[in-house]
Amino acid sequence: MATSTFYRPLEITDPEAVLKLLAIAETEPPSEPFCEHPYTDEDFKRGEELLLDCLARSRH
């Protein structure tokens, strides 16, 4: 994908779409996470350790 697509201006001309976007932006974020199986602290720590190990090996 060309990087120029990331810099394209966002133009919403449909009034109904503008109202929907405003309604979404004004609502509070959900209190529950979207993921049904969120990562535990142990999972996060293990993943971080694996990443650091992988990065340490790639430096050699």
N, C-alpha and C. Protein backbone atom coordinates (compact mmCIF):
# COMPACT_ATOMS: atom_id res chain seq x y z
N MET A 1 0.85 -1.18 0.00
CA MET A 1 0.00 0.00 0.00
C MET A 1 0.89 1.24 0.00
N ALA A 2 0.56 2.18 -0.79
CA ALA A 2 1.34 3.41 -0.88
C ALA A 2 1.13 4.24 0.37
N THR A 3 2.20 4.87 0.84
CA THR A 3 2.09 5.68 2.06
C THR A 3 1.29 6.95 1.82
N SER A 4 1.13 7.35 0.60
CA SER A 4 0.37 8.58 0.33
C SER A 4 -1.10 8.42 0.73
N THR A 5 -1.58 7.18 0.82
CA THR A 5 -2.97 6.98 1.22
C THR A 5 -3.19 7.37 2.67
N PHE A 6 -2.13 7.39 3.48
CA PHE A 6 -2.28 7.75 4.89
C PHE A 6 -2.44 9.25 5.08
N TYR A 7 -2.07 10.01 4.08
CA TYR A 7 -2.12 11.46 4.20
C TYR A 7 -3.30 12.08 3.46
N ARG A 8 -4.19 11.23 3.01
CA ARG A 8 -5.35 11.73 2.29
C ARG A 8 -6.29 12.42 3.30
N PRO A 9 -6.80 13.60 2.98
CA PRO A 9 -7.71 14.28 3.91
C PRO A 9 -9.04 13.53 4.03
N LEU A 10 -9.59 13.54 5.21
CA LEU A 10 -10.86 12.89 5.48
C LEU A 10 -11.97 13.92 5.27
N GLU A 11 -12.83 13.66 4.32
CA GLU A 11 -13.93 14.58 4.03
C GLU A 11 -15.25 13.83 4.15
N ILE A 12 -16.09 14.30 5.06
CA ILE A 12 -17.42 13.72 5.23
C ILE A 12 -18.42 14.78 4.79
N THR A 13 -19.13 14.48 3.72
CA THR A 13 -20.06 15.46 3.17
C THR A 13 -21.52 15.13 3.48
N ASP A 14 -21.81 13.90 3.82
CA ASP A 14 -23.17 13.50 4.12
C ASP A 14 -23.54 13.96 5.54
N PRO A 15 -24.56 14.81 5.70
CA PRO A 15 -24.93 15.31 7.02
C PRO A 15 -25.27 14.19 8.01
N GLU A 16 -25.91 13.13 7.53
CA GLU A 16 -26.25 12.02 8.41
C GLU A 16 -24.98 11.33 8.92
N ALA A 17 -23.98 11.19 8.06
CA ALA A 17 -22.72 10.58 8.46
C ALA A 17 -21.99 11.44 9.48
N VAL A 18 -22.08 12.76 9.33
CA VAL A 18 -21.46 13.68 10.28
C VAL A 18 -22.11 13.51 11.65
N LEU A 19 -23.42 13.42 11.69
CA LEU A 19 -24.13 13.24 12.97
C LEU A 19 -23.77 11.91 13.62
N LYS A 20 -23.66 10.86 12.82
CA LYS A 20 -23.27 9.56 13.36
C LYS A 20 -21.87 9.60 13.95
N LEU A 21 -20.95 10.25 13.24
CA LEU A 21 -19.58 10.37 13.73
C LEU A 21 -19.53 11.16 15.03
N LEU A 22 -20.28 12.24 15.12
CA LEU A 22 -20.33 13.03 16.34
C LEU A 22 -20.92 12.22 17.49
N ALA A 23 -21.95 11.45 17.23
CA ALA A 23 -22.55 10.62 18.27
C ALA A 23 -21.56 9.59 18.80
N ILE A 24 -20.79 9.01 17.91
CA ILE A 24 -19.78 8.03 18.33
C ILE A 24 -18.69 8.72 19.14
N ALA A 25 -18.25 9.89 18.70
CA ALA A 25 -17.17 10.60 19.38
C ALA A 25 -17.60 11.08 20.77
N GLU A 26 -18.88 11.37 20.96
CA GLU A 26 -19.36 11.91 22.22
C GLU A 26 -19.73 10.84 23.24
N THR A 27 -19.85 9.59 22.82
CA THR A 27 -20.22 8.54 23.76
C THR A 27 -19.00 8.15 24.59
N GLU A 28 -19.28 7.66 25.78
CA GLU A 28 -18.20 7.22 26.65
C GLU A 28 -17.67 5.88 26.16
N PRO A 29 -16.38 5.64 26.36
CA PRO A 29 -15.83 4.36 25.95
C PRO A 29 -16.45 3.23 26.78
N PRO A 30 -16.51 2.04 26.23
CA PRO A 30 -17.11 0.93 26.98
C PRO A 30 -16.28 0.60 28.21
N SER A 31 -16.94 0.20 29.28
CA SER A 31 -16.23 -0.13 30.51
C SER A 31 -15.57 -1.51 30.42
N GLU A 32 -16.13 -2.36 29.58
CA GLU A 32 -15.58 -3.70 29.40
C GLU A 32 -14.65 -3.71 28.18
N PRO A 33 -13.57 -4.47 28.23
CA PRO A 33 -12.71 -4.55 27.05
C PRO A 33 -13.41 -5.27 25.91
N PHE A 34 -13.02 -4.94 24.67
CA PHE A 34 -13.61 -5.58 23.51
C PHE A 34 -13.23 -7.04 23.41
N CYS A 35 -12.03 -7.35 23.84
CA CYS A 35 -11.52 -8.71 23.73
C CYS A 35 -12.20 -9.59 24.78
N GLU A 36 -12.65 -10.76 24.36
CA GLU A 36 -13.29 -11.67 25.30
C GLU A 36 -12.27 -12.32 26.23
N HIS A 37 -11.02 -12.42 25.77
CA HIS A 37 -9.96 -13.03 26.56
C HIS A 37 -8.79 -12.06 26.66
N PRO A 38 -8.93 -11.03 27.52
CA PRO A 38 -7.83 -10.06 27.60
C PRO A 38 -6.58 -10.72 28.19
N TYR A 39 -5.45 -10.16 27.83
CA TYR A 39 -4.19 -10.68 28.33
C TYR A 39 -4.08 -10.42 29.82
N THR A 40 -3.53 -11.39 30.52
CA THR A 40 -3.25 -11.20 31.94
C THR A 40 -1.91 -10.51 32.08
N ASP A 41 -1.60 -10.06 33.27
CA ASP A 41 -0.31 -9.44 33.51
C ASP A 41 0.83 -10.43 33.23
N GLU A 42 0.59 -11.70 33.57
CA GLU A 42 1.61 -12.73 33.32
C GLU A 42 1.84 -12.91 31.82
N ASP A 43 0.75 -12.92 31.05
CA ASP A 43 0.86 -13.06 29.60
C ASP A 43 1.65 -11.89 29.01
N PHE A 44 1.35 -10.69 29.49
CA PHE A 44 2.03 -9.50 29.00
C PHE A 44 3.52 -9.57 29.32
N LYS A 45 3.84 -9.94 30.57
CA LYS A 45 5.24 -10.03 30.99
C LYS A 45 5.99 -11.08 30.17
N ARG A 46 5.36 -12.24 29.95
CA ARG A 46 5.99 -13.30 29.17
C ARG A 46 6.25 -12.83 27.73
N GLY A 47 5.26 -12.18 27.13
CA GLY A 47 5.42 -11.66 25.78
C GLY A 47 6.52 -10.63 25.70
N GLU A 48 6.61 -9.77 26.70
CA GLU A 48 7.65 -8.75 26.72
C GLU A 48 9.03 -9.39 26.83
N GLU A 49 9.15 -10.44 27.67
CA GLU A 49 10.42 -11.14 27.81
C GLU A 49 10.80 -11.84 26.50
N LEU A 50 9.84 -12.45 25.84
CA LEU A 50 10.11 -13.10 24.56
C LEU A 50 10.58 -12.09 23.52
N LEU A 51 9.95 -10.95 23.50
CA LEU A 51 10.34 -9.90 22.55
C LEU A 51 11.76 -9.43 22.83
N LEU A 52 12.08 -9.20 24.10
CA LEU A 52 13.41 -8.74 24.44
C LEU A 52 14.46 -9.79 24.08
N ASP A 53 14.15 -11.07 24.32
CA ASP A 53 15.06 -12.15 23.92
C ASP A 53 15.28 -12.15 22.42
N CYS A 54 14.22 -12.01 21.68
CA CYS A 54 14.30 -12.00 20.22
C CYS A 54 15.14 -10.82 19.74
N LEU A 55 14.93 -9.67 20.32
CA LEU A 55 15.68 -8.48 19.92
C LEU A 55 17.15 -8.60 20.29
N ALA A 56 17.42 -9.22 21.45
CA ALA A 56 18.81 -9.42 21.87
C ALA A 56 19.54 -10.34 20.89
N ARG A 57 18.87 -11.36 20.42
CA ARG A 57 19.48 -12.29 19.47
C ARG A 57 19.73 -11.63 18.11
N SER A 58 18.87 -10.72 17.73
CA SER A 58 18.99 -10.11 16.40
C SER A 58 20.11 -9.08 16.36
N ARG A 59 20.61 -8.66 17.50
CA ARG A 59 21.70 -7.66 17.55
C ARG A 59 23.05 -8.28 17.21
N HIS A 60 23.17 -9.58 17.33
CA HIS A 60 24.47 -10.26 17.11
C HIS A 60 24.76 -10.41 15.66
